[in-house]
Protein backbone atom coordinates (compact mmCIF):
# COMPACT_ATOMS: atom_id res chain seq x y z
CA UNK A 1 28.70 -1.98 -16.26
CA UNK A 2 27.33 1.04 -14.40
CA UNK A 3 24.79 0.58 -11.61
CA UNK A 4 21.15 0.23 -12.65
CA UNK A 5 18.55 2.77 -11.61
CA UNK A 6 16.93 0.08 -9.48
CA UNK A 7 20.13 -0.42 -7.49
CA UNK A 8 20.62 3.35 -7.23
CA UNK A 9 17.03 3.69 -5.99
CA UNK A 10 17.58 0.97 -3.38
CA UNK A 11 20.49 3.00 -1.99
CA UNK A 12 18.16 5.91 -1.10
CA UNK A 13 14.69 4.34 -0.80
CA UNK A 14 13.36 1.02 0.52
CA UNK A 15 11.92 -0.78 -2.51
CA UNK A 16 8.78 -2.88 -2.09
CA UNK A 17 7.35 -5.31 -4.66
CA UNK A 18 3.74 -4.57 -5.61
CA UNK A 19 2.84 -8.13 -6.58
CA UNK A 20 1.76 -11.49 -5.26
CA UNK A 21 4.05 -13.29 -7.73
CA UNK A 22 6.70 -15.05 -5.67
CA UNK A 23 9.01 -15.55 -8.68
CA UNK A 24 9.01 -11.82 -9.46
CA UNK A 25 9.73 -11.01 -5.81
CA UNK A 26 12.65 -13.44 -5.77
CA UNK A 27 14.04 -11.86 -8.96
CA UNK A 28 14.03 -8.22 -7.80
CA UNK A 29 14.84 -8.81 -4.12
CA UNK A 30 12.77 -6.03 -2.52
CA UNK A 31 12.80 -5.28 1.21
CA UNK A 32 9.02 -5.77 1.64
CA UNK A 33 6.08 -6.93 -0.43
CA UNK A 34 2.50 -5.71 -0.58
CA UNK A 35 -0.60 -7.42 -1.90
CA UNK A 36 -4.26 -6.49 -2.33
CA UNK A 37 -7.38 -8.42 -3.45
CA UNK A 38 -6.58 -7.72 -7.11
CA UNK A 39 -3.07 -9.18 -6.78
CA UNK A 40 -4.22 -12.19 -4.75
CA UNK A 41 -6.91 -12.88 -7.36
CA UNK A 42 -4.29 -12.76 -10.14
CA UNK A 43 -1.96 -15.03 -8.17
CA UNK A 44 -4.79 -17.50 -7.55
CA UNK A 45 -5.07 -18.09 -11.30
CA UNK A 46 -1.38 -19.04 -11.73
CA UNK A 47 -0.44 -22.70 -11.94
CA UNK A 48 2.25 -22.48 -9.26
CA UNK A 49 -0.28 -21.48 -6.59
CA UNK A 50 -2.80 -24.28 -7.06
CA UNK A 51 -1.54 -26.18 -4.00
CA UNK A 52 -2.12 -23.09 -1.87
CA UNK A 53 -5.62 -22.84 -3.38
CA UNK A 54 -6.36 -26.45 -2.38
CA UNK A 55 -5.10 -25.80 1.16
CA UNK A 56 -7.22 -22.64 1.44
CA UNK A 57 -10.37 -24.41 0.23
CA UNK A 58 -9.78 -27.29 2.67
CA UNK A 59 -9.08 -24.97 5.59
CA UNK A 60 -11.84 -22.40 5.05
CA UNK A 61 -15.46 -23.15 5.97
CA UNK A 62 -16.69 -20.43 3.59
CA UNK A 63 -15.37 -18.61 0.51
CA UNK A 64 -14.56 -15.60 2.72
CA UNK A 65 -12.58 -17.73 5.18
CA UNK A 66 -10.79 -19.47 2.30
CA UNK A 67 -9.87 -16.08 0.80
CA UNK A 68 -8.39 -14.94 4.13
CA UNK A 69 -6.49 -18.21 4.45
CA UNK A 70 -5.14 -17.85 0.91
CA UNK A 71 -4.00 -14.24 1.46
CA UNK A 72 -2.17 -15.25 4.65
CA UNK A 73 -0.63 -18.42 3.18
CA UNK A 74 0.56 -16.42 0.16
CA UNK A 75 2.01 -13.85 2.58
CA UNK A 76 3.77 -16.64 4.49
CA UNK A 77 5.42 -17.91 1.29
CA UNK A 78 6.50 -14.39 0.30
CA UNK A 79 8.05 -13.84 3.74
CA UNK A 80 10.40 -16.77 3.08
CA UNK A 81 12.18 -14.75 0.37
CA UNK A 82 12.08 -11.15 1.64
CA UNK A 83 13.89 -9.76 4.70
CA UNK A 84 11.12 -7.34 5.69
CA UNK A 85 7.35 -7.37 5.95
CA UNK A 86 4.27 -8.38 4.00
CA UNK A 87 1.15 -6.20 3.78
CA UNK A 88 -2.11 -8.15 3.90
CA UNK A 89 -5.40 -6.41 3.23
CA UNK A 90 -8.57 -6.32 5.30
CA UNK A 91 -11.73 -7.07 3.28
CA UNK A 92 -12.66 -3.77 1.58
CA UNK A 93 -16.34 -4.41 2.37
CA UNK A 94 -15.45 -3.46 5.96
CA UNK A 95 -14.04 -0.06 4.96
CA UNK A 96 -16.74 1.87 6.83
CA UNK A 97 -16.95 -0.38 9.90
CA UNK A 98 -14.32 0.39 12.50
CA UNK A 99 -15.07 -2.51 14.86
CA UNK A 100 -15.34 -5.12 12.10
CA UNK A 101 -12.01 -3.90 10.64
CA UNK A 102 -10.33 -4.29 14.05
CA UNK A 103 -11.78 -7.79 14.43
CA UNK A 104 -10.69 -8.86 10.93
CA UNK A 105 -7.17 -7.51 11.49
CA UNK A 106 -6.87 -9.52 14.71
CA UNK A 107 -8.05 -12.64 12.83
CA UNK A 108 -5.40 -12.16 10.14
CA UNK A 109 -2.65 -11.76 12.76
CA UNK A 110 -3.90 -14.89 14.54
CA UNK A 111 -3.83 -16.77 11.23
CA UNK A 112 -0.22 -15.68 10.65
CA UNK A 113 0.63 -16.82 14.18
CA UNK A 114 -0.65 -20.31 13.29
CA UNK A 115 1.98 -20.30 10.52
CA UNK A 116 4.61 -19.21 13.10
CA UNK A 117 4.90 -15.75 11.52
CA UNK A 118 5.83 -13.00 13.98
CA UNK A 119 3.35 -10.07 14.01
CA UNK A 120 6.29 -7.69 13.51
CA UNK A 121 6.64 -9.08 9.96
CA UNK A 122 3.06 -8.22 8.99
CA UNK A 123 1.37 -4.94 8.10
CA UNK A 124 -2.43 -4.97 8.12
CA UNK A 125 -3.61 -3.02 5.10
CA UNK A 126 -6.72 -0.89 5.56
CA UNK A 127 -8.50 1.64 3.33
CA UNK A 128 -7.96 5.25 4.47
CA UNK A 129 -11.56 6.03 5.36
CA UNK A 130 -12.23 7.78 8.68
CA UNK A 131 -13.39 4.45 10.12
CA UNK A 132 -10.34 2.64 8.74
CA UNK A 133 -7.97 5.21 10.22
CA UNK A 134 -9.65 4.96 13.64
CA UNK A 135 -9.46 1.16 13.45
CA UNK A 136 -5.75 1.48 12.72
CA UNK A 137 -5.32 3.77 15.74
CA UNK A 138 -6.81 1.03 17.94
CA UNK A 139 -4.75 -1.71 16.30
CA UNK A 140 -1.49 0.24 16.63
CA UNK A 141 -2.24 0.66 20.35
CA UNK A 142 -2.47 -3.15 20.52
CA UNK A 143 0.86 -3.58 18.75
CA UNK A 144 -0.63 -4.53 15.36
CA UNK A 145 1.12 -2.45 12.69
CA UNK A 146 -0.93 -0.99 9.86
CA UNK A 147 -0.53 0.13 6.25
CA UNK A 148 -3.22 2.67 5.28
CA UNK A 149 -3.95 2.32 1.57
CA UNK A 150 -6.14 4.06 -1.03
CA UNK A 151 -4.73 7.34 0.23
CA UNK A 152 -5.28 10.26 -2.15
CA UNK A 153 -5.60 13.40 -0.03
CA UNK A 154 -3.63 15.49 2.41
CA UNK A 155 -6.51 15.18 4.91
CA UNK A 156 -6.15 11.39 4.84
CA UNK A 157 -2.39 11.70 5.35
CA UNK A 158 -2.81 14.09 8.31
CA UNK A 159 -5.39 11.86 9.97
CA UNK A 160 -3.10 8.82 9.55
CA UNK A 161 -0.22 10.71 11.18
CA UNK A 162 -2.54 11.79 14.02
CA UNK A 163 -3.50 8.13 14.52
CA UNK A 164 0.15 7.04 14.70
CA UNK A 165 -0.10 4.45 11.94
CA UNK A 166 3.08 2.65 10.93
CA UNK A 167 2.89 3.29 7.18
CA UNK A 168 0.75 4.99 4.54
CA UNK A 169 0.48 4.16 0.83
CA UNK A 170 -0.35 7.40 -1.00
CA UNK A 171 -1.33 6.63 -4.59
CA UNK A 172 0.46 8.37 -7.45
CA UNK A 173 -0.77 6.94 -10.75
CA UNK A 174 -4.45 6.98 -9.88
CA UNK A 175 -4.20 10.67 -8.99
CA UNK A 176 -2.52 11.29 -12.35
CA UNK A 177 -5.30 9.33 -14.10
CA UNK A 178 -7.96 11.62 -12.62
CA UNK A 179 -6.19 14.85 -13.55
CA UNK A 180 -5.41 13.62 -17.07
CA UNK A 181 -9.09 12.92 -17.58
CA UNK A 182 -9.97 16.42 -16.33
CA UNK A 183 -7.16 18.21 -18.20
CA UNK A 184 -6.16 16.10 -21.22
CA UNK A 185 -4.06 18.88 -22.82
CA UNK A 186 -2.10 19.89 -19.73
CA UNK A 187 1.55 18.87 -19.20
CA UNK A 188 1.36 16.51 -16.22
CA UNK A 189 4.78 14.90 -16.62
CA UNK A 190 7.78 14.93 -14.29
CA UNK A 191 7.50 17.43 -11.44
CA UNK A 192 4.13 18.57 -12.87
CA UNK A 193 2.60 15.18 -12.09
CA UNK A 194 -0.11 15.83 -9.43
CA UNK A 195 0.44 12.38 -7.90
CA UNK A 196 4.14 13.14 -7.46
CA UNK A 197 3.27 16.55 -6.00
CA UNK A 198 0.85 14.95 -3.52
CA UNK A 199 3.36 12.42 -2.18
CA UNK A 200 6.15 15.04 -2.04
CA UNK A 201 3.90 17.34 0.01
CA UNK A 202 2.98 14.56 2.43
CA UNK A 203 6.61 13.43 2.80
CA UNK A 204 7.85 16.94 3.52
CA UNK A 205 5.01 17.63 5.98
CA UNK A 206 5.74 14.43 7.92
CA UNK A 207 9.46 15.15 8.12
CA UNK A 208 9.05 18.83 9.04
CA UNK A 209 6.63 17.99 11.85
CA UNK A 210 8.49 14.94 13.13
CA UNK A 211 5.89 12.26 12.37
CA UNK A 212 7.27 8.73 12.42
CA UNK A 213 4.75 7.31 9.92
CA UNK A 214 6.51 5.82 6.89
CA UNK A 215 5.54 7.25 3.48
CA UNK A 216 5.39 4.57 0.77
CA UNK A 217 4.45 5.89 -2.67
CA UNK A 218 2.27 3.44 -4.61
CA UNK A 219 0.35 2.93 -7.86
CA UNK A 220 2.86 4.10 -10.46
CA UNK A 221 2.08 4.54 -14.14
CA UNK A 222 5.67 5.02 -15.38
CA UNK A 223 9.27 5.07 -14.15
CA UNK A 224 9.40 8.86 -14.35
CA UNK A 225 6.99 9.08 -11.41
CA UNK A 226 9.26 6.75 -9.43
CA UNK A 227 12.35 8.79 -10.29
CA UNK A 228 10.63 12.01 -9.17
CA UNK A 229 10.11 10.41 -5.74
CA UNK A 230 13.61 8.95 -5.33
CA UNK A 231 14.50 9.35 -1.67
CA UNK A 232 10.96 8.75 -0.38
CA UNK A 233 10.92 6.38 2.62
CA UNK A 234 9.58 3.52 0.50
CA UNK A 235 8.13 2.94 -2.94
CA UNK A 236 6.03 -0.09 -3.89
CA UNK A 237 6.60 -0.93 -7.55
CA UNK A 238 5.13 -3.44 -10.00
CA UNK A 239 7.39 -6.09 -11.61
CA UNK A 240 7.13 -4.42 -15.05
CA UNK A 241 8.45 -1.10 -13.71
CA UNK A 242 11.08 -2.86 -11.56
CA UNK A 243 12.31 -4.49 -14.77
CA UNK A 244 12.47 -1.14 -16.57
CA UNK A 245 14.50 0.37 -13.73
CA UNK A 246 16.84 -2.63 -13.68
CA UNK A 247 17.56 -2.19 -17.40
CA UNK A 248 18.27 1.57 -17.18
CA UNK A 249 21.86 2.43 -16.20
CA UNK A 250 21.72 6.22 -16.37
CA UNK A 251 22.18 8.34 -13.24
CA UNK A 252 19.34 8.71 -10.72
CA UNK A 253 19.06 11.93 -8.71
CA UNK A 254 17.66 12.01 -5.17
CA UNK A 255 14.51 14.16 -5.11
CA UNK A 256 13.27 13.82 -1.52
CA UNK A 257 15.40 14.08 1.58
CA UNK A 258 14.86 14.23 5.32
CA UNK A 259 17.57 16.84 5.61
CA UNK A 260 17.29 17.46 9.33
CA UNK A 261 15.82 20.95 9.07
CA UNK A 262 14.33 22.41 12.25
CA UNK A 263 11.17 20.52 13.12
CA UNK A 264 7.88 22.38 13.26
CA UNK A 265 5.42 21.80 16.09
CA UNK A 266 2.82 19.16 15.32
CA UNK A 267 -0.56 20.57 14.41
CA UNK A 268 -3.70 19.72 16.40
CA UNK A 269 -5.37 16.50 15.30
CA UNK A 270 -8.10 16.67 12.67
CA UNK A 271 -11.58 16.09 14.06
CA UNK A 272 -13.95 13.76 12.24
CA UNK A 273 -15.95 16.78 11.02
CA UNK A 274 -12.79 18.49 9.69
CA UNK A 275 -11.65 15.28 8.00
CA UNK A 276 -14.99 14.74 6.30
CA UNK A 277 -15.24 18.38 5.22
CA UNK A 278 -11.72 18.49 3.77
CA UNK A 279 -12.29 15.15 2.04
CA UNK A 280 -15.56 16.42 0.57
CA UNK A 281 -13.77 19.48 -0.83
CA UNK A 282 -11.29 17.25 -2.70
CA UNK A 283 -13.26 15.83 -5.64
CA UNK A 284 -10.34 13.73 -6.89
CA UNK A 285 -9.74 12.05 -3.54
CA UNK A 286 -13.45 11.46 -2.91
CA UNK A 287 -13.96 9.84 -6.32
CA UNK A 288 -10.76 7.77 -6.34
CA UNK A 289 -11.25 6.45 -2.79
CA UNK A 290 -14.80 5.31 -3.59
CA UNK A 291 -13.69 3.80 -6.91
CA UNK A 292 -10.74 2.03 -5.27
CA UNK A 293 -12.93 0.46 -2.59
CA UNK A 294 -15.48 -0.67 -5.20
CA UNK A 295 -12.75 -2.25 -7.35
CA UNK A 296 -11.15 -4.07 -4.41
CA UNK A 297 -14.60 -5.41 -3.46
CA UNK A 298 -15.14 -6.63 -7.03
CA UNK A 299 -11.82 -8.51 -7.00
CA UNK A 300 -12.53 -9.87 -3.52
CA UNK A 301 -15.86 -11.21 -4.80
CA UNK A 302 -14.16 -12.68 -7.90
CA UNK A 303 -11.60 -14.41 -5.65
CA UNK A 304 -14.34 -15.81 -3.42
CA UNK A 305 -16.29 -17.03 -6.47
CA UNK A 306 -13.15 -18.77 -7.77
CA UNK A 307 -12.63 -20.45 -4.40
CA UNK A 308 -16.32 -21.40 -4.16
CA UNK A 309 -15.99 -23.27 -7.50
CA UNK A 310 -13.13 -25.30 -6.03
C-alpha cells in the first residue's frame, strides 16, 4: 500500500495532536501534543480520566488550583506516550495581566517539576495579547519556553518574533470562519483560504529574516488547509483530521520550504503603540482574539464548576 498523507506530512512537518485524549495521541503518534481549556474540559468528562479528576480535587484547595493540577497531570500522562513536548495553557482570564501570567507560568512549571517532568518538555501556552507576549519575553529569558496562541494577525506574529518566543500557533480555520461570514459567495478554498495565506506569510517572513520562532499552524477546518501548509515547521491537528489524512494515500506536495534564500535584515521591533494600532486596523484579528479569549474563559469556568461539584 502507498504511504498515507499523514506519513507523507510527517516527513516534511512535525505533526502535533490537538487533543487531550490520550488514546487518540497513542494512535496517531505525533511528536508533540497541545491542550487548551476546551480540550481539558472535554477530557474531564471521559470515563478514563476520572482517577485524574479525583487526584486533582484532592490536591487542589480551590477549583482553580484543581483545574491547574488536572491540566498538568493530564500533560504528564500525555508525555509518557509522545517523544516531544506538551503545551499547557495559562488561565485566559490573565490574558491582559503580564505579571500574573508570568507568575502562573512559573506555578505550572513548578507543578510539572513535582511530577519529575523536565521544563524542556513543557511549553507554556499564552494568548497573543501585548501583555501575553511581554510575559512570554520575560519567561523565555528565565528559560521557560512559550507557545503563543490565539494568533490571528501579522502584528501578533512580528511581536512574538521580537520577543524571542519558542513557538507561535497562528490559527487557520477561525480566520477562514470570519472571512466566510463576511464574504459567503467568495471562493476561499485551497490557496485562496485567508487562514492559509496568513500562516504562509508569517512562515516566509520568519525564514527570510532569520527568526528562530517555530511556526505551528492550528485550528483547521478541513484537510485541504493542512495540505496547503505542508512543509510548515509544525501543524497541530485534531484526531478527526488526523484520521482523514491517515486514510488518504494520494500524493502530498510540499507547499512551504525554508529554502535557504539570502536572509533579510531583521526589522526594528514593534512598539506597544504600533502593535495596538496595527491590531486595531485588523478587524478580523481583533474580533477573533477577543472571541477566543472569551470562549477559553467560558470553558475554564465550566471545568472549575465541574471540579467544584466533585
